[in-house]
């Protein structure tokens, strides 16, 4: 892992840790009621919130084509085949 990748990894880990603590310490509000069937006030709800908050990083880092990432950043609704 080069120094740029390591800095990005450490920054991402800090963001995820801060997100986890904000979920754990959240008061009952709109943040904790993400889904009609399950909310983050329960242990299962917290796990659901952890996964929804961290999966976006995995998807953007490992699953999306670069063209898709750039289109999303620019706010473009159309992509050329075979991406959309």
C-alpha atoms as a PDB file:
ATOM      1  CA  UNK A   1       0.000   0.000   0.000  1.00  0.00           C
ATOM      2  CA  UNK A   2       1.547   3.330  -1.013  1.00  0.00           C
ATOM      3  CA  UNK A   3       1.399   6.426   1.185  1.00  0.00           C
ATOM      4  CA  UNK A   4      -1.544   7.976  -0.716  1.00  0.00           C
ATOM      5  CA  UNK A   5      -3.604   4.779  -0.404  1.00  0.00           C
ATOM      6  CA  UNK A   6      -2.679   4.499   3.256  1.00  0.00           C
ATOM      7  CA  UNK A   7      -3.725   8.109   3.955  1.00  0.00           C
ATOM      8  CA  UNK A   8      -7.031   7.546   2.147  1.00  0.00           C
ATOM      9  CA  UNK A   9      -7.573   4.299   4.068  1.00  0.00           C
ATOM     10  CA  UNK A  10      -6.867   5.970   7.428  1.00  0.00           C
ATOM     11  CA  UNK A  11      -9.112   8.926   6.590  1.00  0.00           C
ATOM     12  CA  UNK A  12     -11.898   6.549   5.552  1.00  0.00           C
ATOM     13  CA  UNK A  13     -11.475   4.551   8.783  1.00  0.00           C
ATOM     14  CA  UNK A  14     -11.791   7.757  10.817  1.00  0.00           C
ATOM     15  CA  UNK A  15     -14.991   8.730   8.987  1.00  0.00           C
ATOM     16  CA  UNK A  16     -16.465   5.272   9.541  1.00  0.00           C
ATOM     17  CA  UNK A  17     -15.512   5.289  13.239  1.00  0.00           C
ATOM     18  CA  UNK A  18     -17.086   8.720  13.709  1.00  0.00           C
ATOM     19  CA  UNK A  19     -20.222   7.563  11.883  1.00  0.00           C
ATOM     20  CA  UNK A  20     -20.489   4.490  14.110  1.00  0.00           C
ATOM     21  CA  UNK A  21     -20.177   6.563  17.269  1.00  0.00           C
ATOM     22  CA  UNK A  22     -22.789   9.031  16.009  1.00  0.00           C
ATOM     23  CA  UNK A  23     -25.184   6.115  15.432  1.00  0.00           C
ATOM     24  CA  UNK A  24     -24.487   4.636  18.864  1.00  0.00           C
ATOM     25  CA  UNK A  25     -24.906   7.972  20.640  1.00  0.00           C
ATOM     26  CA  UNK A  26     -27.859   9.234  18.583  1.00  0.00           C
ATOM     27  CA  UNK A  27     -30.923  10.461  20.389  1.00  0.00           C
ATOM     28  CA  UNK A  28     -34.324   9.332  19.167  1.00  0.00           C
ATOM     29  CA  UNK A  29     -34.929  11.461  16.085  1.00  0.00           C
ATOM     30  CA  UNK A  30     -35.169  11.190  12.303  1.00  0.00           C
ATOM     31  CA  UNK A  31     -31.625   9.778  12.144  1.00  0.00           C
ATOM     32  CA  UNK A  32     -32.634   6.735  14.190  1.00  0.00           C
ATOM     33  CA  UNK A  33     -35.874   6.106  12.251  1.00  0.00           C
ATOM     34  CA  UNK A  34     -34.450   5.234   8.845  1.00  0.00           C
ATOM     35  CA  UNK A  35     -36.898   2.443   8.053  1.00  0.00           C
ATOM     36  CA  UNK A  36     -40.552   1.931   8.938  1.00  0.00           C
ATOM     37  CA  UNK A  37     -39.883  -1.652  10.051  1.00  0.00           C
ATOM     38  CA  UNK A  38     -36.656  -1.205  11.998  1.00  0.00           C
ATOM     39  CA  UNK A  39     -35.040   1.770  13.692  1.00  0.00           C
ATOM     40  CA  UNK A  40     -31.554   2.413  15.030  1.00  0.00           C
ATOM     41  CA  UNK A  41     -32.741   2.449  18.657  1.00  0.00           C
ATOM     42  CA  UNK A  42     -32.443  -1.361  18.677  1.00  0.00           C
ATOM     43  CA  UNK A  43     -29.248  -3.416  18.259  1.00  0.00           C
ATOM     44  CA  UNK A  44     -30.529  -4.846  14.973  1.00  0.00           C
ATOM     45  CA  UNK A  45     -31.396  -1.359  13.795  1.00  0.00           C
ATOM     46  CA  UNK A  46     -27.914  -0.117  14.665  1.00  0.00           C
ATOM     47  CA  UNK A  47     -26.368  -2.937  12.625  1.00  0.00           C
ATOM     48  CA  UNK A  48     -28.609  -2.024   9.677  1.00  0.00           C
ATOM     49  CA  UNK A  49     -27.530   1.616   9.957  1.00  0.00           C
ATOM     50  CA  UNK A  50     -23.833   0.634  10.210  1.00  0.00           C
ATOM     51  CA  UNK A  51     -24.092  -1.378   7.007  1.00  0.00           C
ATOM     52  CA  UNK A  52     -26.012   1.280   5.082  1.00  0.00           C
ATOM     53  CA  UNK A  53     -23.542   3.992   6.090  1.00  0.00           C
ATOM     54  CA  UNK A  54     -20.392   2.000   5.228  1.00  0.00           C
ATOM     55  CA  UNK A  55     -21.510   0.137   2.113  1.00  0.00           C
ATOM     56  CA  UNK A  56     -21.394   3.298  -0.002  1.00  0.00           C
ATOM     57  CA  UNK A  57     -17.606   3.459   0.438  1.00  0.00           C
ATOM     58  CA  UNK A  58     -17.158  -0.165  -0.603  1.00  0.00           C
ATOM     59  CA  UNK A  59     -19.362   0.320  -3.651  1.00  0.00           C
ATOM     60  CA  UNK A  60     -17.590   3.472  -4.813  1.00  0.00           C
ATOM     61  CA  UNK A  61     -14.119   2.010  -4.174  1.00  0.00           C
ATOM     62  CA  UNK A  62     -14.563  -1.482  -5.615  1.00  0.00           C
ATOM     63  CA  UNK A  63     -17.766  -1.977  -7.626  1.00  0.00           C
ATOM     64  CA  UNK A  64     -18.530   1.077  -9.775  1.00  0.00           C
ATOM     65  CA  UNK A  65     -16.898   1.853 -13.097  1.00  0.00           C
ATOM     66  CA  UNK A  66     -14.934   5.105 -13.155  1.00  0.00           C
ATOM     67  CA  UNK A  67     -17.380   6.513 -15.741  1.00  0.00           C
ATOM     68  CA  UNK A  68     -20.280   5.918 -13.347  1.00  0.00           C
ATOM     69  CA  UNK A  69     -18.487   7.576 -10.433  1.00  0.00           C
ATOM     70  CA  UNK A  70     -17.670  10.631 -12.567  1.00  0.00           C
ATOM     71  CA  UNK A  71     -21.250  10.853 -13.864  1.00  0.00           C
ATOM     72  CA  UNK A  72     -22.637  10.753 -10.340  1.00  0.00           C
ATOM     73  CA  UNK A  73     -20.205  13.464  -9.222  1.00  0.00           C
ATOM     74  CA  UNK A  74     -21.262  15.648 -12.164  1.00  0.00           C
ATOM     75  CA  UNK A  75     -24.934  14.862 -11.627  1.00  0.00           C
ATOM     76  CA  UNK A  76     -25.427  13.459 -15.118  1.00  0.00           C
ATOM     77  CA  UNK A  77     -28.511  11.265 -15.503  1.00  0.00           C
ATOM     78  CA  UNK A  78     -27.407   9.390 -18.649  1.00  0.00           C
ATOM     79  CA  UNK A  79     -24.500   7.019 -19.116  1.00  0.00           C
ATOM     80  CA  UNK A  80     -23.252   5.455 -22.320  1.00  0.00           C
ATOM     81  CA  UNK A  81     -23.705   1.685 -22.772  1.00  0.00           C
ATOM     82  CA  UNK A  82     -22.962  -0.778 -21.234  1.00  0.00           C
ATOM     83  CA  UNK A  83     -23.184   1.124 -17.932  1.00  0.00           C
ATOM     84  CA  UNK A  84     -26.739   2.398 -18.025  1.00  0.00           C
END
